[in-house]
Protein backbone atom coordinates (compact mmCIF):
# COMPACT_ATOMS: atom_id res chain seq x y z
CA MET A 1 51.26 -239.33 -10.89
CA SER A 2 51.44 -242.77 -12.50
CA THR A 3 50.21 -244.67 -15.55
CA ALA A 4 50.16 -248.28 -16.61
CA ASP A 5 53.73 -247.77 -17.82
CA GLY A 6 54.94 -246.65 -14.40
CA PRO A 7 55.35 -243.42 -12.40
CA TRP A 8 55.86 -240.06 -14.07
CA ARG A 9 57.55 -236.99 -12.65
CA VAL A 10 56.71 -233.41 -13.53
CA LEU A 11 59.64 -231.01 -13.87
CA VAL A 12 58.79 -227.38 -13.10
CA LEU A 13 61.32 -224.69 -14.03
CA ASP A 14 61.37 -221.04 -13.05
CA ALA A 15 63.95 -218.28 -13.51
CA ILE A 16 64.91 -216.89 -10.10
CA ASP A 17 66.67 -213.59 -9.62
CA GLY A 18 68.84 -214.45 -6.66
CA ARG A 19 72.27 -215.11 -5.22
CA GLN A 20 73.74 -217.98 -3.26
CA PRO A 21 74.57 -217.51 0.43
CA GLY A 22 77.49 -219.07 2.25
CA ALA A 23 80.51 -217.37 0.74
CA PRO A 24 80.82 -216.92 3.65
CA TRP A 25 77.61 -217.20 5.67
CA SER A 26 76.40 -213.98 7.29
CA SER A 27 73.97 -213.77 10.20
CA ALA A 28 71.31 -212.16 8.00
CA ASP A 29 71.59 -214.83 5.31
CA ALA A 30 71.56 -217.56 7.97
CA ASP A 31 68.34 -216.20 9.46
CA ALA A 32 66.72 -216.01 6.01
CA ALA A 33 67.74 -219.58 5.21
CA ALA A 34 66.41 -220.77 8.56
CA SER A 35 63.04 -219.18 7.81
CA ALA A 36 62.88 -221.06 4.50
CA CYS A 37 63.72 -224.36 6.21
CA LEU A 38 61.02 -223.79 8.82
CA GLU A 39 58.51 -222.98 6.07
CA VAL A 40 59.28 -226.31 4.40
CA ALA A 41 58.94 -228.10 7.75
CA ALA A 42 55.44 -226.62 8.13
CA VAL A 43 54.16 -228.07 4.84
CA PRO A 44 51.04 -230.19 5.60
CA SER A 45 51.83 -233.87 6.04
CA GLY A 46 49.48 -234.89 3.23
CA VAL A 47 51.36 -232.72 0.76
CA ALA A 48 54.69 -233.95 2.08
CA ALA A 49 53.69 -237.59 1.64
CA ALA A 50 52.60 -236.92 -1.94
CA VAL A 51 55.99 -235.58 -3.05
CA ALA A 52 58.42 -237.53 -0.89
CA THR A 53 60.28 -240.52 -2.32
CA GLY A 54 61.22 -242.30 0.90
CA THR A 55 62.11 -241.70 4.54
CA LEU A 56 65.23 -240.06 5.90
CA ALA A 57 65.29 -242.47 8.83
CA SER A 58 65.82 -245.38 6.46
CA ASP A 59 67.87 -243.69 3.74
CA LEU A 60 70.35 -241.89 6.00
CA GLY A 61 69.74 -243.07 9.55
CA GLY A 62 69.94 -246.70 8.47
CA ASP A 63 72.74 -246.23 5.92
CA VAL A 64 74.82 -249.37 6.41
CA GLU A 65 78.01 -247.95 4.88
CA ALA A 66 77.84 -244.83 7.04
CA LEU A 67 77.29 -246.87 10.20
CA GLU A 68 80.11 -249.24 9.28
CA ALA A 69 82.44 -246.29 8.67
CA LEU A 70 81.74 -244.95 12.15
CA GLU A 71 82.11 -248.38 13.74
CA ALA A 72 85.39 -249.03 11.92
CA THR A 73 86.93 -245.74 12.99
CA ALA A 74 85.86 -246.36 16.59
CA GLY A 75 87.32 -249.87 16.44
CA GLY A 76 90.59 -248.74 14.92
CA THR A 77 90.23 -250.75 11.70
CA ARG A 78 89.68 -247.61 9.63
CA ALA A 79 91.90 -244.55 9.90
CA TRP A 80 90.29 -241.32 10.99
CA PRO A 81 91.15 -238.83 8.21
CA SER A 82 94.03 -236.56 9.15
CA ASP A 83 92.23 -233.60 7.57
CA LEU A 84 89.40 -233.81 10.15
CA PRO A 85 89.55 -232.51 13.72
CA PRO A 86 91.56 -235.12 15.66
CA LEU A 87 89.51 -237.22 18.09
CA ASP A 88 90.64 -239.75 20.67
CA GLY A 89 89.21 -243.26 20.98
CA LYS A 90 86.57 -242.28 23.53
CA CYS A 91 85.21 -239.55 21.25
CA LEU A 92 85.20 -241.88 18.25
CA ALA A 93 83.26 -244.45 20.29
CA ASP A 94 80.74 -241.77 21.25
CA LEU A 95 80.46 -240.77 17.58
CA ALA A 96 79.69 -244.37 16.58
CA ALA A 97 77.13 -244.78 19.38
CA LEU A 98 75.37 -241.61 18.27
CA GLY A 99 75.20 -242.93 14.72
CA LEU A 100 73.25 -245.95 15.96
CA ARG A 101 70.64 -243.59 17.40
CA ALA A 102 70.16 -241.73 14.11
CA GLU A 103 67.52 -243.94 12.50
CA ARG A 104 65.12 -243.37 15.38
CA ALA A 105 66.07 -239.69 15.72
CA LEU A 106 65.28 -238.90 12.08
CA GLU A 107 61.79 -240.40 12.06
CA GLY A 108 59.00 -237.99 11.17
CA GLU A 109 56.26 -237.08 8.72
CA SER A 110 57.59 -233.67 7.68
CA LEU A 111 58.81 -232.75 4.22
CA VAL A 112 62.62 -232.73 4.17
CA HIS A 113 64.74 -231.37 1.31
CA ALA A 114 67.64 -233.51 2.60
CA ASP A 115 70.35 -231.57 0.75
CA THR A 116 70.27 -228.03 2.14
CA ARG A 117 73.59 -226.35 1.33
CA PRO A 118 74.50 -222.94 -0.11
CA ASP A 119 74.38 -224.00 -3.76
CA ASN A 120 70.80 -225.24 -3.29
CA LEU A 121 69.64 -221.91 -1.85
CA LEU A 122 68.91 -218.66 -3.64
CA ILE A 123 68.30 -215.37 -1.85
CA GLU A 124 66.00 -213.09 -3.81
CA PRO A 125 66.48 -209.28 -3.80
CA ALA A 126 63.72 -208.92 -1.18
CA GLY A 127 65.56 -211.34 1.11
CA THR A 128 63.35 -214.39 0.64
CA VAL A 129 65.22 -217.69 0.29
CA ARG A 130 64.19 -220.21 -2.35
CA ILE A 131 65.30 -223.82 -1.81
CA VAL A 132 66.05 -225.53 -5.14
CA ASP A 133 67.15 -228.95 -6.45
CA TRP A 134 64.56 -231.23 -4.83
CA ASN A 135 65.82 -234.58 -6.12
CA HIS A 136 66.19 -235.96 -2.57
CA ALA A 137 62.80 -234.90 -1.16
CA THR A 138 61.84 -237.27 1.64
CA LEU A 139 59.94 -237.59 4.93
CA GLY A 140 61.65 -237.08 8.27
CA ALA A 141 62.10 -234.94 11.35
CA PRO A 142 61.12 -231.30 10.76
CA TRP A 143 64.40 -229.84 12.06
CA VAL A 144 66.82 -231.69 9.75
CA ASP A 145 67.08 -229.16 6.90
CA LEU A 146 67.89 -226.37 9.35
CA VAL A 147 70.43 -228.35 11.37
CA ALA A 148 72.13 -229.52 8.17
CA LEU A 149 73.16 -225.90 7.59
CA TRP A 150 74.70 -225.45 11.04
CA PRO A 151 78.18 -226.94 10.50
CA LEU A 152 79.15 -224.60 7.68
CA MET A 153 77.41 -221.64 9.31
CA ARG A 154 79.42 -222.21 12.49
CA HIS A 155 82.57 -222.73 10.42
CA HIS A 156 82.00 -219.23 9.02
CA GLY A 157 81.51 -217.71 12.47
CA VAL A 158 77.71 -217.63 12.71
CA GLY A 159 76.52 -218.67 16.17
CA VAL A 160 73.95 -221.43 15.59
CA HIS A 161 72.61 -221.05 19.12
CA ARG A 162 70.50 -218.25 17.56
CA PHE A 163 68.17 -221.00 16.25
CA ALA A 164 67.58 -222.71 19.60
CA GLY A 165 64.04 -221.33 19.84
CA ALA A 166 62.96 -222.41 16.34
CA PRO A 167 59.52 -224.10 16.38
CA ALA A 168 60.84 -227.20 14.62
CA LEU A 169 63.35 -227.72 17.45
CA ASP A 170 60.82 -227.40 20.26
CA GLY A 171 61.17 -230.42 22.54
CA VAL A 172 63.78 -232.13 20.33
CA PRO A 173 66.36 -234.01 22.46
CA GLU A 174 69.90 -232.72 22.01
CA GLU A 175 70.99 -236.33 21.50
CA ASP A 176 68.78 -236.56 18.41
CA ILE A 177 70.48 -233.54 16.85
CA ASP A 178 73.88 -235.01 17.70
CA ALA A 179 72.84 -238.35 16.22
CA PHE A 180 71.99 -236.65 12.93
CA LEU A 181 75.35 -234.86 12.87
CA ALA A 182 77.11 -238.15 13.65
CA ILE A 183 75.47 -240.14 10.85
CA LEU A 184 76.16 -237.22 8.52
CA VAL A 185 79.86 -237.53 9.38
CA GLY A 186 79.70 -241.28 8.73
CA TYR A 187 78.02 -240.70 5.37
CA LEU A 188 80.65 -238.16 4.39
CA LEU A 189 83.47 -240.53 5.34
CA CYS A 190 82.36 -242.98 2.65
CA ASP A 191 84.10 -242.94 -0.74
CA LEU A 192 86.56 -240.21 0.24
CA ASP A 193 89.32 -241.94 -1.70
CA ALA A 194 87.17 -242.75 -4.73
CA PRO A 195 87.02 -240.59 -7.87
CA PRO A 196 83.90 -238.41 -8.06
CA PRO A 197 81.03 -240.04 -9.99
CA PRO A 198 80.77 -239.11 -13.69
CA GLY A 199 79.39 -235.62 -14.13
CA CYS A 200 80.28 -234.47 -10.62
CA THR A 201 82.70 -231.67 -9.87
CA PRO A 202 86.29 -232.72 -9.12
CA ALA A 203 85.94 -230.71 -5.89
CA LEU A 204 83.35 -233.16 -4.52
CA ARG A 205 85.75 -234.98 -2.18
CA ARG A 206 87.17 -231.69 -0.86
CA HIS A 207 83.61 -230.59 -0.17
CA GLN A 208 82.98 -233.85 1.72
CA LEU A 209 86.04 -233.25 3.89
CA LEU A 210 85.01 -229.66 4.58
CA ILE A 211 81.50 -230.56 5.74
CA ALA A 212 82.70 -233.65 7.63
CA GLY A 213 85.26 -231.51 9.43
CA ALA A 214 82.77 -228.74 10.20
CA SER A 215 80.22 -231.29 11.45
CA THR A 216 82.82 -232.97 13.65
CA ALA A 217 83.90 -229.63 15.08
CA LEU A 218 80.29 -228.74 15.88
CA LEU A 219 79.77 -232.10 17.57
CA ALA A 220 82.98 -231.67 19.56
CA GLN A 221 81.70 -228.33 20.83
CA ARG A 222 78.23 -229.64 21.63
CA ARG A 223 79.47 -232.74 23.46
CA GLY A 224 82.53 -231.29 25.12
CA TRP A 225 84.91 -233.64 23.39
CA VAL A 226 88.59 -233.12 24.09
CA GLN A 227 90.39 -233.35 20.78
CA ARG A 228 93.72 -235.15 20.82
CA ALA A 229 96.80 -233.34 19.64
CA PRO A 230 97.72 -234.06 16.01
CA GLY A 231 100.61 -236.36 15.25
């Protein structure tokens, strides 16, 4: 809502009896989280537009720093982090090209949480998953919140092919999913050497590396990339 003094936001709090998944991910927890993501994706577009603060296509797909990070690594002017799965020049070029596709791939009118990760999920005793911390709510493609969970799920041994028949993924080009994973890698490459912002956990940069590495590994599997030997 808004007044003459500007927009207002309403903060709603609720005590939830639940636990976080992902330590590590199990197949049962992954399926429950997927159901929650699909429920969010099915929110009517009018409701989604009322609570969203922007578009994912612009905010992430068009992120200049993320795109520049991918372009620089492909061009050899920025070092590919040694902690990530090693990729040769051809793979890095493919990664950068996918990033350029992301803005179009992420377009949509669905409600997107845009920060689905284990610490933003709570599994209630009955098995229902609550998605919390909605400070990045936006509009975008309906499959994004689910796919954002795939890298860490796969890293923990959960086969993400189990979600291939999800309604939100029906008819979605594989290249669009890969484009999202690519721009996510580019976003995570930014500020790796910078101190965490005030108030953030000191483990933030390690978390970035973990998810960037898991996302790269998933992309390598999906695209058949041959990873170069380290060293």
